[in-house]
Amino acid sequence: MRMAATPVERIIATYEPIAARREVNLVLELPNHSSTLLVDEGRMLQVLKNLVENALRYTPRGGKITLGEYPNGHVQLVVKDNGTGIEAGDLPYIFDRFYRADPSRGGPPGKVGLGLAICKALVTAQGGEIRAESAGKDQGTSMIITFPVVKSEGG
């Protein structure tokens, strides 16, 4: 299945009203043309949905969440926020099942720390990688999904 900007645009369209109610700016950054990516579109929507919901949960009013594609020899989909951030000591573990960076925060009912583990499983099953970057507390977080570019015939 060919994945272009469509899943990212669909996520933006779905979550823009929610972000607006929370007074969070949801921004789309895409290049003039998107790369061809052979992935299960439904699974990528599931991953992006989870990452945007997490970003909304930890981004304060007046904050900003950016979804974008940044080609660099690979296809990178990035969900970046300027929210609460993640401490360096927690970064290696956030994709582990049931791990919560701040257990005292508890989180919403029904949230047990499986979302990022599921995202990692779905991305790696399709040949991609996912990682998180954060400069620490109150410095925001970037979730970066990387896939190899599919070379077109003759190119």
Protein backbone atom coordinates (compact mmCIF):
# COMPACT_ATOMS: atom_id res chain seq x y z
CA MET A 1 0.00 0.00 0.00
CA ARG A 2 1.29 3.46 -0.85
CA MET A 3 1.39 5.89 2.04
CA ALA A 4 1.74 9.53 1.14
CA ALA A 5 0.75 12.52 3.24
CA THR A 6 -2.82 11.23 3.50
CA PRO A 7 -2.57 9.49 6.92
CA VAL A 8 -0.84 12.51 8.47
CA GLU A 9 -3.46 14.84 6.99
CA ARG A 10 -6.22 12.55 8.27
CA ILE A 11 -4.75 12.65 11.78
CA ILE A 12 -4.52 16.46 11.61
CA ALA A 13 -8.16 16.71 10.46
CA THR A 14 -9.29 14.40 13.28
CA TYR A 15 -7.35 16.02 16.11
CA GLU A 16 -7.41 19.70 15.08
CA PRO A 17 -10.77 20.37 16.78
CA ILE A 18 -9.63 18.58 19.96
CA ALA A 19 -6.37 20.54 20.00
CA ALA A 20 -8.26 23.81 19.42
CA ARG A 21 -10.55 23.11 22.41
CA ARG A 22 -7.43 22.57 24.52
CA GLU A 23 -5.87 25.74 23.08
CA VAL A 24 -3.00 23.76 21.56
CA ASN A 25 -1.78 24.59 18.06
CA LEU A 26 -1.63 21.48 15.81
CA VAL A 27 0.64 22.15 12.81
CA LEU A 28 1.28 20.13 9.65
CA GLU A 29 4.71 20.36 8.00
CA LEU A 30 5.07 18.41 4.78
CA PRO A 31 7.48 18.77 1.87
CA ASN A 32 6.16 19.61 -1.60
CA HIS A 33 6.09 15.92 -2.41
CA SER A 34 5.88 12.92 -0.14
CA SER A 35 8.00 9.82 -0.47
CA THR A 36 6.57 6.43 -1.31
CA LEU A 37 6.27 4.26 1.76
CA LEU A 38 5.12 0.65 1.70
CA VAL A 39 3.32 0.21 5.00
CA ASP A 40 -0.08 -0.80 6.32
CA GLU A 41 -1.91 2.52 6.31
CA GLY A 42 -4.32 1.45 9.06
CA ARG A 43 -1.46 0.52 11.37
CA MET A 44 0.34 3.80 10.67
CA LEU A 45 -2.85 5.69 11.49
CA GLN A 46 -2.97 3.76 14.77
CA VAL A 47 0.64 4.75 15.55
CA LEU A 48 0.14 8.43 14.67
CA LYS A 49 -3.14 8.54 16.61
CA ASN A 50 -1.39 7.24 19.72
CA LEU A 51 1.52 9.66 19.39
CA VAL A 52 -0.75 12.69 18.87
CA GLU A 53 -2.97 11.68 21.80
CA ASN A 54 0.13 11.42 24.00
CA ALA A 55 1.36 14.80 22.78
CA LEU A 56 -2.04 16.35 23.53
CA ARG A 57 -2.02 14.81 27.01
CA TYR A 58 1.34 16.40 27.91
CA THR A 59 1.22 19.71 26.02
CA PRO A 60 -0.08 22.67 28.03
CA ARG A 61 -2.56 25.31 26.84
CA GLY A 62 -0.84 27.62 24.39
CA GLY A 63 1.49 24.78 23.37
CA LYS A 64 2.26 23.44 19.94
CA ILE A 65 2.32 19.97 18.36
CA THR A 66 3.87 19.53 14.93
CA LEU A 67 3.39 16.57 12.61
CA GLY A 68 5.74 16.47 9.70
CA GLU A 69 7.70 14.46 7.21
CA TYR A 70 11.37 15.23 6.94
CA PRO A 71 13.23 13.41 4.16
CA ASN A 72 16.90 12.73 4.73
CA GLY A 73 17.55 9.65 2.61
CA HIS A 74 14.78 8.03 4.63
CA VAL A 75 11.19 8.93 5.31
CA GLN A 76 10.81 10.41 8.76
CA LEU A 77 7.46 11.11 10.32
CA VAL A 78 7.83 13.29 13.39
CA VAL A 79 5.34 14.15 16.12
CA LYS A 80 6.89 16.97 18.12
CA ASP A 81 5.47 18.87 21.07
CA ASN A 82 6.64 21.57 23.45
CA GLY A 83 5.09 19.91 26.50
CA THR A 84 6.39 18.35 29.70
CA GLY A 85 9.30 16.49 28.13
CA ILE A 86 10.98 13.26 29.25
CA GLU A 87 13.95 13.00 31.60
CA ALA A 88 17.11 11.44 30.11
CA GLY A 89 16.95 8.54 32.56
CA ASP A 90 13.47 7.59 31.32
CA LEU A 91 14.12 7.80 27.56
CA PRO A 92 15.62 4.27 27.18
CA TYR A 93 12.52 2.71 28.76
CA ILE A 94 9.51 4.58 27.39
CA PHE A 95 8.84 1.95 24.69
CA ASP A 96 8.83 -0.87 27.28
CA ARG A 97 5.44 -2.36 28.14
CA PHE A 98 3.80 -0.90 31.25
CA TYR A 99 6.57 1.69 31.75
CA ARG A 100 5.40 5.10 32.96
CA ALA A 101 7.98 7.87 33.17
CA ASP A 102 6.15 9.49 36.07
CA PRO A 103 4.20 6.80 37.96
CA SER A 104 2.86 9.35 40.45
CA ARG A 105 1.02 11.14 37.65
CA GLY A 106 -1.11 8.03 37.15
CA GLY A 107 -2.57 9.15 33.86
CA PRO A 108 -6.12 8.82 32.60
CA PRO A 109 -8.18 5.78 33.62
CA GLY A 110 -7.51 2.80 31.39
CA LYS A 111 -4.02 3.97 30.43
CA VAL A 112 -1.51 1.34 31.54
CA GLY A 113 1.60 2.21 29.58
CA LEU A 114 1.11 0.02 26.51
CA GLY A 115 0.65 2.66 23.80
CA LEU A 116 4.31 3.32 22.99
CA ALA A 117 5.16 -0.40 23.17
CA ILE A 118 2.42 -1.07 20.62
CA CYS A 119 3.67 1.80 18.42
CA LYS A 120 7.17 0.33 18.47
CA ALA A 121 5.89 -3.15 17.59
CA LEU A 122 3.79 -1.82 14.68
CA VAL A 123 6.61 0.32 13.28
CA THR A 124 9.35 -2.34 13.56
CA ALA A 125 7.07 -5.02 12.08
CA GLN A 126 6.94 -2.86 8.94
CA GLY A 127 10.70 -2.35 8.71
CA GLY A 128 10.85 1.00 10.45
CA GLU A 129 12.33 2.40 13.63
CA ILE A 130 10.85 4.67 16.27
CA ARG A 131 12.73 6.73 18.83
CA ALA A 132 12.09 9.57 21.23
CA GLU A 133 14.13 12.69 21.82
CA SER A 134 13.72 15.15 24.68
CA ALA A 135 16.04 17.67 26.28
CA GLY A 136 14.38 16.96 29.64
CA LYS A 137 11.71 18.34 31.92
CA ASP A 138 9.52 21.00 30.29
CA GLN A 139 11.56 20.81 27.07
CA GLY A 140 9.04 18.94 24.91
CA THR A 141 9.39 15.61 23.15
CA SER A 142 9.90 14.46 19.56
CA MET A 143 8.76 11.01 18.46
CA ILE A 144 10.59 10.12 15.26
CA ILE A 145 9.51 7.27 13.00
CA THR A 146 12.01 6.36 10.27
CA PHE A 147 11.48 4.14 7.24
CA PRO A 148 13.78 3.44 4.30
CA VAL A 149 12.78 5.19 1.08
CA VAL A 150 11.32 2.89 -1.57
CA LYS A 151 13.23 3.46 -4.80
CA SER A 152 11.01 3.88 -7.83
CA GLU A 153 11.75 1.99 -11.01
CA GLY A 154 14.21 3.85 -13.13
CA GLY A 155 15.25 6.01 -10.17
